[in-house]
Amino acid sequence: MAVRRIVANLAVDRTDAAKTFYGDVLGMNIAMDLGWIMTFAADGSMTPQISVMTEGGSGTPVPDLSIEVDDLSDIYKKMQAAGFTIEYGPATEPWGVTRFYVRDPFGRLVNILAHR
């Protein structure tokens, strides 16, 4: 037996608000839309991961989600242009990532990062 996939399930009051943040800005594809559930997927294959944290690193709070991207500065500009609130960074961290924190439309703290 092996874990094949891990999915983060976020309780929201409406799925359409997620399309701008996760679809339009982050460029994720809508893999499923049944009205009551909308699933976004990235291109490529990923290894299932779960992180447990006592803090977010560098004195930051623990984010609800971490999303790795290939062009952090592009996503940062798109988040700003779309009016999303940047709460931390961008910062180059001692453990080898550059990242920023942003709130999604539902108030969740999202860590957007790129490895150096």
Protein backbone atom coordinates (compact mmCIF):
# COMPACT_ATOMS: atom_id res chain seq x y z
CA MET A 1 0.00 0.00 0.00
CA ALA A 2 1.23 3.53 -0.81
CA VAL A 3 -0.18 7.03 -0.60
CA ARG A 4 -0.93 8.21 -4.12
CA ARG A 5 -2.26 11.71 -3.53
CA ILE A 6 -2.90 14.23 -0.77
CA VAL A 7 -5.59 16.84 -1.30
CA ALA A 8 -6.08 19.96 0.81
CA ASN A 9 -9.83 20.48 1.34
CA LEU A 10 -10.76 24.07 2.18
CA ALA A 11 -14.24 24.92 3.47
CA VAL A 12 -15.49 28.00 1.58
CA ASP A 13 -18.80 29.80 1.14
CA ARG A 14 -18.49 29.95 -2.68
CA THR A 15 -16.18 28.19 -5.11
CA ASP A 16 -16.15 30.90 -7.80
CA ALA A 17 -13.94 33.19 -5.69
CA ALA A 18 -11.22 30.54 -5.76
CA LYS A 19 -10.96 30.69 -9.56
CA THR A 20 -9.23 34.10 -9.59
CA PHE A 21 -6.68 33.24 -6.89
CA TYR A 22 -5.87 29.58 -7.65
CA GLY A 23 -6.81 29.50 -11.33
CA ASP A 24 -6.17 32.88 -12.92
CA VAL A 25 -3.26 34.15 -10.78
CA LEU A 26 -1.51 30.89 -9.87
CA GLY A 27 -2.31 29.25 -13.22
CA MET A 28 -3.71 26.01 -11.82
CA ASN A 29 -6.12 24.01 -13.96
CA ILE A 30 -9.64 23.18 -12.87
CA ALA A 31 -9.52 19.40 -12.68
CA MET A 32 -13.10 19.04 -11.42
CA ASP A 33 -16.05 21.38 -10.93
CA LEU A 34 -19.26 19.90 -9.55
CA GLY A 35 -20.61 23.21 -8.25
CA TRP A 36 -20.11 22.32 -4.58
CA ILE A 37 -16.48 21.24 -5.09
CA MET A 38 -13.86 22.75 -7.39
CA THR A 39 -10.50 20.98 -7.57
CA PHE A 40 -7.43 22.77 -8.92
CA ALA A 41 -4.40 20.87 -10.18
CA ALA A 42 -0.91 21.85 -11.25
CA ASP A 43 0.75 20.47 -14.34
CA GLY A 44 3.33 17.78 -13.71
CA SER A 45 3.67 15.16 -11.08
CA MET A 46 4.13 15.77 -7.39
CA THR A 47 5.19 13.70 -4.43
CA PRO A 48 2.52 13.68 -1.70
CA GLN A 49 3.64 15.77 1.27
CA ILE A 50 2.33 16.85 4.65
CA SER A 51 4.21 19.39 6.75
CA VAL A 52 3.69 19.79 10.50
CA MET A 53 4.96 23.07 11.93
CA THR A 54 5.33 24.83 15.25
CA GLU A 55 5.94 28.14 13.41
CA GLY A 56 6.23 29.36 9.83
CA GLY A 57 9.97 30.07 10.00
CA SER A 58 11.67 33.45 10.41
CA GLY A 59 9.15 34.28 13.15
CA THR A 60 6.12 34.02 10.87
CA PRO A 61 2.82 32.27 11.63
CA VAL A 62 2.18 28.79 10.26
CA PRO A 63 0.63 29.14 6.79
CA ASP A 64 -2.46 27.12 5.88
CA LEU A 65 -0.98 26.12 2.51
CA SER A 66 2.41 26.25 0.80
CA ILE A 67 2.53 26.47 -2.98
CA GLU A 68 5.80 26.20 -4.89
CA VAL A 69 5.95 28.16 -8.16
CA ASP A 70 8.50 28.43 -10.96
CA ASP A 71 8.51 32.26 -11.23
CA LEU A 72 7.99 33.91 -7.86
CA SER A 73 8.35 37.51 -9.05
CA ASP A 74 5.70 36.99 -11.74
CA ILE A 75 3.22 35.51 -9.26
CA TYR A 76 4.02 38.27 -6.75
CA LYS A 77 3.19 40.94 -9.36
CA LYS A 78 -0.01 39.13 -10.36
CA MET A 79 -1.13 38.86 -6.72
CA GLN A 80 -0.56 42.59 -6.22
CA ALA A 81 -2.34 43.47 -9.47
CA ALA A 82 -5.31 41.31 -8.48
CA GLY A 83 -5.54 43.14 -5.14
CA PHE A 84 -4.56 40.30 -2.81
CA THR A 85 -2.92 41.31 0.48
CA ILE A 86 0.77 40.43 0.81
CA GLU A 87 1.45 39.78 4.50
CA TYR A 88 5.15 38.87 4.45
CA GLY A 89 8.01 39.17 2.01
CA PRO A 90 9.17 38.55 -0.50
CA ALA A 91 12.01 37.24 1.63
CA THR A 92 14.99 35.05 0.85
CA GLU A 93 15.16 32.54 3.69
CA PRO A 94 18.28 30.83 5.10
CA TRP A 95 16.89 27.35 4.27
CA GLY A 96 17.03 27.95 0.52
CA VAL A 97 13.70 29.42 -0.55
CA THR A 98 12.41 32.83 -1.52
CA ARG A 99 8.79 33.34 -0.53
CA PHE A 100 5.93 35.60 0.38
CA TYR A 101 2.71 35.16 2.34
CA VAL A 102 -0.62 36.21 0.87
CA ARG A 103 -4.25 35.81 1.97
CA ASP A 104 -6.53 33.89 -0.39
CA PRO A 105 -10.13 35.10 -0.91
CA PHE A 106 -11.23 33.07 2.13
CA GLY A 107 -8.68 34.52 4.57
CA ARG A 108 -6.29 31.59 4.55
CA LEU A 109 -2.60 32.34 4.79
CA VAL A 110 -0.78 30.96 1.75
CA ASN A 111 3.00 30.61 1.54
CA ILE A 112 4.06 31.12 -2.11
CA LEU A 113 7.64 29.96 -2.59
CA ALA A 114 10.40 29.12 -5.05
CA HIS A 115 13.53 27.13 -4.27
CA ARG A 116 16.83 28.83 -5.06
